[in-house]
C-alpha cells in the first residue's frame, strides 16, 4: 500500500479492527476500513478488508476516484480499471512465496557484493510502511 499511497494524506477514516475468531493469536484478526486520501488536488476513496480466517482467502483493493475505479483481486490475479463506461482488465501472476524468496536472495546478494540496498526496501521504507498502517488504525 505504501507504493500506491505514499504521497497521499489520510483525511477521513472509519474502521473496525478487532479479534473476532477463535484463532490462537493475541492480535486483531479482522480489519475493515474505509478512508479518503488526498494528495493536494485529488481525493481517493479506498476500501480495505482483511482477516486471518476467511476461506477462501480474499485479498482485494478498491480505489475509487472521480474519473473511475480500480479493483484489484490479488488472489485471482486481475486488475480491473473502470473508466468512461469501459472496463480494462490486466492479468498478472505471482507466487507469494517467490516474492519472499526473491527478497532474501536480493538481501544476501547485497551483503555478498557489499552493495547498498534499494531505498524501496530499506529500513526507512519499512518504517514508512508501519507508519501508514498505524495511520489507518
N, C-alpha and C. Protein backbone atom coordinates (compact mmCIF):
# COMPACT_ATOMS: atom_id res chain seq x y z
N UNK A 1 0.81 -1.19 0.00
CA UNK A 1 0.00 0.00 0.00
C UNK A 1 0.86 1.26 0.00
N UNK A 2 2.01 1.19 0.61
CA UNK A 2 2.87 2.36 0.65
C UNK A 2 3.23 2.81 -0.76
N UNK A 3 3.51 1.87 -1.64
CA UNK A 3 3.86 2.18 -3.02
C UNK A 3 2.74 2.99 -3.68
N UNK A 4 1.49 2.64 -3.40
CA UNK A 4 0.35 3.33 -4.01
C UNK A 4 0.03 4.66 -3.36
N UNK A 5 0.17 4.75 -2.03
CA UNK A 5 -0.39 5.89 -1.31
C UNK A 5 0.62 6.72 -0.53
N UNK A 6 1.89 6.59 -0.81
CA UNK A 6 2.91 7.29 -0.05
C UNK A 6 2.72 8.80 -0.05
N UNK A 7 2.27 9.37 -1.17
CA UNK A 7 2.16 10.82 -1.29
C UNK A 7 0.79 11.35 -0.85
N UNK A 8 -0.10 10.46 -0.42
CA UNK A 8 -1.44 10.88 -0.03
C UNK A 8 -1.55 11.03 1.48
N UNK A 9 -2.39 11.97 1.89
CA UNK A 9 -2.67 12.17 3.31
C UNK A 9 -4.06 11.62 3.60
N UNK A 10 -4.19 10.87 4.66
CA UNK A 10 -5.49 10.35 5.06
C UNK A 10 -6.25 11.49 5.73
N UNK A 11 -7.41 11.85 5.14
CA UNK A 11 -8.18 12.97 5.69
C UNK A 11 -9.40 12.51 6.47
N UNK A 12 -9.95 11.37 6.14
CA UNK A 12 -11.10 10.81 6.85
C UNK A 12 -10.96 9.30 6.87
N UNK A 13 -11.31 8.68 7.97
CA UNK A 13 -11.24 7.22 8.04
C UNK A 13 -12.29 6.69 8.99
N UNK A 14 -12.72 5.49 8.70
CA UNK A 14 -13.54 4.74 9.64
C UNK A 14 -13.13 3.29 9.51
N UNK A 15 -13.12 2.59 10.62
CA UNK A 15 -12.63 1.22 10.58
C UNK A 15 -13.15 0.41 11.75
N UNK A 16 -13.09 -0.89 11.57
CA UNK A 16 -13.30 -1.85 12.64
C UNK A 16 -12.05 -2.72 12.65
N UNK A 17 -11.43 -2.86 13.77
CA UNK A 17 -10.24 -3.69 13.91
C UNK A 17 -10.34 -4.40 15.25
N UNK A 18 -10.52 -5.72 15.20
CA UNK A 18 -10.63 -6.47 16.46
C UNK A 18 -10.45 -7.96 16.21
N UNK A 19 -10.34 -8.67 17.28
CA UNK A 19 -10.26 -10.13 17.22
C UNK A 19 -11.67 -10.68 17.34
N UNK A 20 -12.10 -11.41 16.32
CA UNK A 20 -13.46 -11.96 16.33
C UNK A 20 -13.47 -13.48 16.20
N UNK A 21 -12.34 -14.07 15.87
CA UNK A 21 -12.30 -15.52 15.68
C UNK A 21 -11.80 -16.23 16.94
N UNK A 22 -11.75 -17.55 16.86
CA UNK A 22 -11.19 -18.33 17.96
C UNK A 22 -9.75 -18.77 17.65
N UNK A 23 -9.12 -18.10 16.69
CA UNK A 23 -7.72 -18.40 16.40
C UNK A 23 -6.86 -18.13 17.62
N UNK A 24 -5.86 -18.94 17.83
CA UNK A 24 -4.98 -18.81 18.99
C UNK A 24 -3.90 -17.76 18.71
N UNK A 25 -4.31 -16.51 18.58
CA UNK A 25 -3.39 -15.40 18.35
C UNK A 25 -3.77 -14.27 19.30
N UNK A 26 -2.82 -13.37 19.56
CA UNK A 26 -3.09 -12.29 20.51
C UNK A 26 -3.12 -10.92 19.82
N UNK A 27 -3.53 -10.89 18.56
CA UNK A 27 -3.66 -9.64 17.81
C UNK A 27 -5.03 -9.63 17.13
N UNK A 28 -5.39 -8.46 16.61
CA UNK A 28 -6.62 -8.37 15.85
C UNK A 28 -6.55 -9.31 14.66
N UNK A 29 -7.65 -9.99 14.35
CA UNK A 29 -7.66 -10.87 13.19
C UNK A 29 -8.53 -10.33 12.06
N UNK A 30 -9.14 -9.17 12.28
CA UNK A 30 -10.03 -8.58 11.29
C UNK A 30 -9.80 -7.07 11.19
N UNK A 31 -9.74 -6.57 9.96
CA UNK A 31 -9.70 -5.13 9.72
C UNK A 31 -10.61 -4.84 8.55
N UNK A 32 -11.53 -3.92 8.75
CA UNK A 32 -12.37 -3.43 7.67
C UNK A 32 -12.30 -1.91 7.76
N UNK A 33 -11.77 -1.28 6.71
CA UNK A 33 -11.54 0.16 6.78
C UNK A 33 -11.96 0.84 5.48
N UNK A 34 -12.41 2.07 5.64
CA UNK A 34 -12.67 2.95 4.53
C UNK A 34 -11.99 4.26 4.86
N UNK A 35 -11.35 4.85 3.86
CA UNK A 35 -10.72 6.12 4.11
C UNK A 35 -10.68 6.97 2.85
N UNK A 36 -10.64 8.28 3.08
CA UNK A 36 -10.48 9.23 1.99
C UNK A 36 -9.06 9.76 2.10
N UNK A 37 -8.37 9.74 0.98
CA UNK A 37 -6.99 10.21 0.92
C UNK A 37 -6.90 11.37 -0.06
N UNK A 38 -6.01 12.31 0.22
CA UNK A 38 -5.85 13.49 -0.63
C UNK A 38 -4.37 13.74 -0.87
N UNK A 39 -4.06 14.10 -2.12
CA UNK A 39 -2.67 14.45 -2.44
C UNK A 39 -2.53 15.95 -2.72
N UNK A 40 -3.48 16.74 -2.28
CA UNK A 40 -3.45 18.18 -2.52
C UNK A 40 -4.46 18.58 -3.57
N UNK A 41 -4.58 17.77 -4.63
CA UNK A 41 -5.51 18.08 -5.71
C UNK A 41 -6.64 17.07 -5.79
N UNK A 42 -6.31 15.80 -5.58
CA UNK A 42 -7.26 14.73 -5.80
C UNK A 42 -7.66 14.05 -4.49
N UNK A 43 -8.90 13.60 -4.47
CA UNK A 43 -9.38 12.76 -3.38
C UNK A 43 -9.58 11.35 -3.91
N UNK A 44 -9.22 10.37 -3.11
CA UNK A 44 -9.47 8.98 -3.43
C UNK A 44 -10.21 8.34 -2.27
N UNK A 45 -11.13 7.46 -2.60
CA UNK A 45 -11.78 6.64 -1.58
C UNK A 45 -11.16 5.26 -1.69
N UNK A 46 -10.72 4.73 -0.58
CA UNK A 46 -10.11 3.40 -0.58
C UNK A 46 -10.82 2.54 0.45
N UNK A 47 -11.10 1.30 0.06
CA UNK A 47 -11.71 0.33 0.97
C UNK A 47 -10.74 -0.83 1.14
N UNK A 48 -10.56 -1.24 2.36
CA UNK A 48 -9.62 -2.31 2.66
C UNK A 48 -10.27 -3.27 3.64
N UNK A 49 -10.25 -4.54 3.30
CA UNK A 49 -10.77 -5.55 4.22
C UNK A 49 -9.79 -6.72 4.22
N UNK A 50 -9.42 -7.12 5.42
CA UNK A 50 -8.53 -8.27 5.52
C UNK A 50 -8.81 -8.99 6.84
N UNK A 51 -8.56 -10.30 6.81
CA UNK A 51 -8.69 -11.08 8.04
C UNK A 51 -7.83 -12.33 7.89
N UNK A 52 -7.65 -13.03 9.00
CA UNK A 52 -6.79 -14.21 9.01
C UNK A 52 -7.55 -15.51 8.82
N UNK A 53 -8.87 -15.49 8.77
CA UNK A 53 -9.62 -16.74 8.84
C UNK A 53 -10.53 -17.04 7.65
N UNK A 54 -10.78 -16.09 6.79
CA UNK A 54 -11.75 -16.29 5.71
C UNK A 54 -11.28 -17.36 4.72
N UNK A 55 -12.18 -18.25 4.34
CA UNK A 55 -11.91 -19.30 3.36
C UNK A 55 -12.98 -19.24 2.29
N UNK A 56 -12.66 -19.16 1.02
CA UNK A 56 -11.31 -18.95 0.51
C UNK A 56 -10.82 -17.54 0.86
N UNK A 57 -9.50 -17.40 0.92
CA UNK A 57 -8.91 -16.12 1.25
C UNK A 57 -9.34 -15.06 0.23
N UNK A 58 -9.56 -13.86 0.74
CA UNK A 58 -9.92 -12.73 -0.13
C UNK A 58 -8.90 -11.63 0.09
N UNK A 59 -8.24 -11.23 -0.96
CA UNK A 59 -7.26 -10.14 -0.90
C UNK A 59 -7.60 -9.18 -2.03
N UNK A 60 -8.28 -8.09 -1.67
CA UNK A 60 -8.77 -7.16 -2.68
C UNK A 60 -8.50 -5.72 -2.26
N UNK A 61 -8.33 -4.87 -3.25
CA UNK A 61 -8.19 -3.44 -3.03
C UNK A 61 -9.14 -2.73 -3.98
N UNK A 62 -9.93 -1.81 -3.47
CA UNK A 62 -10.79 -0.94 -4.27
C UNK A 62 -10.27 0.48 -4.14
N UNK A 63 -10.06 1.14 -5.25
CA UNK A 63 -9.68 2.55 -5.25
C UNK A 63 -10.71 3.27 -6.11
N UNK A 64 -11.39 4.23 -5.53
CA UNK A 64 -12.47 4.93 -6.23
C UNK A 64 -12.10 6.40 -6.36
N UNK A 65 -12.09 6.88 -7.59
CA UNK A 65 -11.77 8.28 -7.85
C UNK A 65 -12.87 8.93 -8.66
N UNK A 66 -12.71 10.22 -8.92
CA UNK A 66 -13.70 10.99 -9.66
C UNK A 66 -13.89 10.48 -11.09
N UNK A 67 -12.82 10.00 -11.70
CA UNK A 67 -12.86 9.59 -13.10
C UNK A 67 -13.07 8.09 -13.30
N UNK A 68 -13.08 7.33 -12.20
CA UNK A 68 -13.26 5.90 -12.36
C UNK A 68 -12.89 5.13 -11.12
N UNK A 69 -12.66 3.84 -11.32
CA UNK A 69 -12.39 2.95 -10.20
C UNK A 69 -11.37 1.91 -10.63
N UNK A 70 -10.54 1.49 -9.68
CA UNK A 70 -9.60 0.39 -9.90
C UNK A 70 -9.91 -0.67 -8.85
N UNK A 71 -10.09 -1.89 -9.32
CA UNK A 71 -10.36 -3.00 -8.43
C UNK A 71 -9.29 -4.06 -8.68
N UNK A 72 -8.62 -4.47 -7.62
CA UNK A 72 -7.57 -5.47 -7.75
C UNK A 72 -7.91 -6.68 -6.89
N UNK A 73 -7.92 -7.85 -7.50
CA UNK A 73 -8.10 -9.11 -6.79
C UNK A 73 -6.75 -9.83 -6.80
N UNK A 74 -6.05 -9.78 -5.68
CA UNK A 74 -4.71 -10.35 -5.61
C UNK A 74 -4.71 -11.86 -5.72
N UNK A 75 -5.78 -12.51 -5.28
CA UNK A 75 -5.84 -13.97 -5.38
C UNK A 75 -6.09 -14.44 -6.81
N UNK A 76 -6.96 -13.76 -7.52
CA UNK A 76 -7.27 -14.15 -8.90
C UNK A 76 -6.29 -13.58 -9.91
N UNK A 77 -5.48 -12.60 -9.50
CA UNK A 77 -4.50 -12.01 -10.40
C UNK A 77 -5.14 -11.14 -11.47
N UNK A 78 -6.14 -10.35 -11.06
CA UNK A 78 -6.83 -9.48 -12.02
C UNK A 78 -6.91 -8.06 -11.47
N UNK A 79 -6.53 -7.12 -12.30
CA UNK A 79 -6.76 -5.70 -12.01
C UNK A 79 -7.79 -5.22 -13.03
N UNK A 80 -8.90 -4.67 -12.54
CA UNK A 80 -9.95 -4.14 -13.42
C UNK A 80 -9.97 -2.63 -13.28
N UNK A 81 -9.85 -1.96 -14.42
CA UNK A 81 -9.87 -0.50 -14.43
C UNK A 81 -11.16 -0.06 -15.11
N UNK A 82 -12.00 0.64 -14.37
CA UNK A 82 -13.29 1.12 -14.86
C UNK A 82 -13.17 2.62 -15.13
N UNK A 83 -13.32 3.01 -16.40
CA UNK A 83 -13.20 4.43 -16.75
C UNK A 83 -14.00 4.71 -18.01
N UNK A 84 -14.76 5.78 -18.00
CA UNK A 84 -15.56 6.20 -19.15
C UNK A 84 -16.47 5.09 -19.66
N UNK A 85 -17.08 4.34 -18.76
CA UNK A 85 -18.00 3.29 -19.15
C UNK A 85 -17.34 2.05 -19.73
N UNK A 86 -16.03 2.00 -19.71
CA UNK A 86 -15.30 0.85 -20.25
C UNK A 86 -14.53 0.16 -19.12
N UNK A 87 -14.27 -1.12 -19.33
CA UNK A 87 -13.50 -1.90 -18.36
C UNK A 87 -12.27 -2.46 -19.07
N UNK A 88 -11.12 -2.22 -18.47
CA UNK A 88 -9.86 -2.80 -18.97
C UNK A 88 -9.36 -3.76 -17.90
N UNK A 89 -9.09 -4.99 -18.31
CA UNK A 89 -8.61 -5.99 -17.35
C UNK A 89 -7.14 -6.30 -17.62
N UNK A 90 -6.39 -6.34 -16.55
CA UNK A 90 -4.97 -6.68 -16.63
C UNK A 90 -4.78 -7.93 -15.79
N UNK A 91 -4.25 -8.96 -16.40
CA UNK A 91 -3.99 -10.21 -15.68
C UNK A 91 -2.54 -10.23 -15.22
N UNK A 92 -2.32 -10.74 -14.04
CA UNK A 92 -0.95 -10.90 -13.55
C UNK A 92 -0.87 -12.20 -12.77
N UNK A 93 0.32 -12.68 -12.63
CA UNK A 93 0.53 -13.95 -11.95
C UNK A 93 1.75 -13.81 -11.04
N UNK A 94 1.61 -14.18 -9.81
CA UNK A 94 2.76 -14.20 -8.92
C UNK A 94 2.57 -15.26 -7.86
N UNK A 95 3.67 -15.78 -7.44
CA UNK A 95 3.70 -16.77 -6.37
C UNK A 95 4.16 -16.02 -5.12
N UNK A 96 3.29 -15.94 -4.13
CA UNK A 96 3.59 -15.16 -2.93
C UNK A 96 4.89 -15.61 -2.27
N UNK A 97 5.12 -16.90 -2.19
CA UNK A 97 6.35 -17.40 -1.59
C UNK A 97 7.57 -16.95 -2.40
N UNK A 98 7.42 -16.90 -3.72
CA UNK A 98 8.53 -16.47 -4.58
C UNK A 98 8.94 -15.03 -4.28
N UNK A 99 7.98 -14.20 -3.93
CA UNK A 99 8.30 -12.81 -3.58
C UNK A 99 9.24 -12.78 -2.38
N UNK A 100 8.93 -13.57 -1.35
CA UNK A 100 9.78 -13.60 -0.16
C UNK A 100 11.16 -14.18 -0.48
N UNK A 101 11.19 -15.21 -1.32
CA UNK A 101 12.46 -15.83 -1.70
C UNK A 101 13.34 -14.82 -2.46
N UNK A 102 12.74 -14.05 -3.35
CA UNK A 102 13.49 -13.04 -4.11
C UNK A 102 14.03 -11.96 -3.18
N UNK A 103 13.24 -11.57 -2.17
CA UNK A 103 13.71 -10.56 -1.23
C UNK A 103 14.93 -11.05 -0.46
N UNK A 104 14.89 -12.29 0.01
CA UNK A 104 16.01 -12.84 0.76
C UNK A 104 17.24 -12.95 -0.15
N UNK A 105 17.05 -13.44 -1.36
CA UNK A 105 18.18 -13.55 -2.31
C UNK A 105 18.78 -12.18 -2.60
N UNK A 106 17.92 -11.18 -2.80
CA UNK A 106 18.40 -9.83 -3.06
C UNK A 106 19.22 -9.32 -1.88
N UNK A 107 18.69 -9.49 -0.66
CA UNK A 107 19.38 -9.03 0.54
C UNK A 107 20.74 -9.70 0.69
N UNK A 108 20.77 -11.02 0.55
CA UNK A 108 22.03 -11.76 0.68
C UNK A 108 23.03 -11.36 -0.41
N UNK A 109 22.55 -11.11 -1.61
CA UNK A 109 23.41 -10.68 -2.70
C UNK A 109 24.02 -9.30 -2.41
N UNK A 110 23.21 -8.39 -1.82
CA UNK A 110 23.73 -7.07 -1.45
C UNK A 110 24.84 -7.19 -0.42
N UNK A 111 24.63 -8.07 0.55
CA UNK A 111 25.67 -8.27 1.58
C UNK A 111 26.92 -8.86 0.94
N UNK A 112 26.73 -9.88 0.13
CA UNK A 112 27.85 -10.57 -0.50
C UNK A 112 28.68 -9.64 -1.38
N UNK A 113 28.00 -8.76 -2.12
CA UNK A 113 28.70 -7.86 -3.05
C UNK A 113 28.91 -6.47 -2.47
N UNK A 114 28.59 -6.30 -1.18
CA UNK A 114 28.76 -5.02 -0.49
C UNK A 114 28.04 -3.89 -1.23
N UNK A 115 26.81 -4.17 -1.68
CA UNK A 115 26.01 -3.18 -2.39
C UNK A 115 25.01 -2.54 -1.42
N UNK A 116 24.64 -1.30 -1.73
CA UNK A 116 23.63 -0.61 -0.93
C UNK A 116 22.25 -1.16 -1.30
N UNK A 117 21.42 -1.36 -0.29
CA UNK A 117 20.05 -1.85 -0.51
C UNK A 117 19.21 -0.71 -1.07
N UNK A 118 18.37 -1.02 -2.04
CA UNK A 118 17.48 -0.04 -2.66
C UNK A 118 16.65 0.67 -1.61
N UNK A 119 16.42 1.97 -1.80
CA UNK A 119 15.62 2.74 -0.84
C UNK A 119 14.18 2.25 -0.79
N UNK A 120 13.74 1.49 -1.82
CA UNK A 120 12.39 0.93 -1.81
C UNK A 120 12.29 -0.22 -0.81
N UNK A 121 13.44 -0.75 -0.36
CA UNK A 121 13.43 -1.93 0.51
C UNK A 121 14.16 -1.72 1.83
N UNK A 122 14.62 -0.50 2.10
CA UNK A 122 15.45 -0.30 3.29
C UNK A 122 14.61 -0.10 4.55
N UNK A 123 15.29 0.12 5.66
CA UNK A 123 14.64 0.27 6.96
C UNK A 123 13.72 1.49 6.98
N UNK A 124 14.12 2.56 6.33
CA UNK A 124 13.29 3.77 6.29
C UNK A 124 11.96 3.47 5.60
N UNK A 125 12.02 2.71 4.51
CA UNK A 125 10.80 2.32 3.81
C UNK A 125 9.93 1.44 4.71
N UNK A 126 10.57 0.55 5.45
CA UNK A 126 9.84 -0.29 6.39
C UNK A 126 9.14 0.54 7.46
N UNK A 127 9.83 1.57 7.95
CA UNK A 127 9.24 2.45 8.95
C UNK A 127 8.06 3.23 8.36
N UNK A 128 8.18 3.64 7.09
CA UNK A 128 7.08 4.34 6.42
C UNK A 128 5.88 3.41 6.27
N UNK A 129 6.13 2.14 5.96
CA UNK A 129 5.03 1.17 5.83
C UNK A 129 4.31 1.00 7.17
N UNK A 130 5.08 0.91 8.24
CA UNK A 130 4.49 0.80 9.57
C UNK A 130 3.70 2.05 9.92
N UNK A 131 4.25 3.22 9.59
CA UNK A 131 3.56 4.48 9.86
C UNK A 131 2.22 4.53 9.12
N UNK A 132 2.20 4.10 7.86
CA UNK A 132 0.95 4.08 7.09
C UNK A 132 -0.05 3.14 7.75
N UNK A 133 0.40 1.96 8.15
CA UNK A 133 -0.51 1.01 8.81
C UNK A 133 -1.08 1.60 10.09
N UNK A 134 -0.27 2.30 10.85
CA UNK A 134 -0.74 2.91 12.11
C UNK A 134 -1.68 4.08 11.84
N UNK A 135 -1.46 4.81 10.73
CA UNK A 135 -2.38 5.91 10.39
C UNK A 135 -3.74 5.36 10.01
N UNK A 136 -3.79 4.16 9.45
CA UNK A 136 -5.06 3.57 9.06
C UNK A 136 -5.86 3.11 10.27
N UNK A 137 -5.17 2.91 11.36
CA UNK A 137 -5.82 2.39 12.57
C UNK A 137 -6.39 3.49 13.42
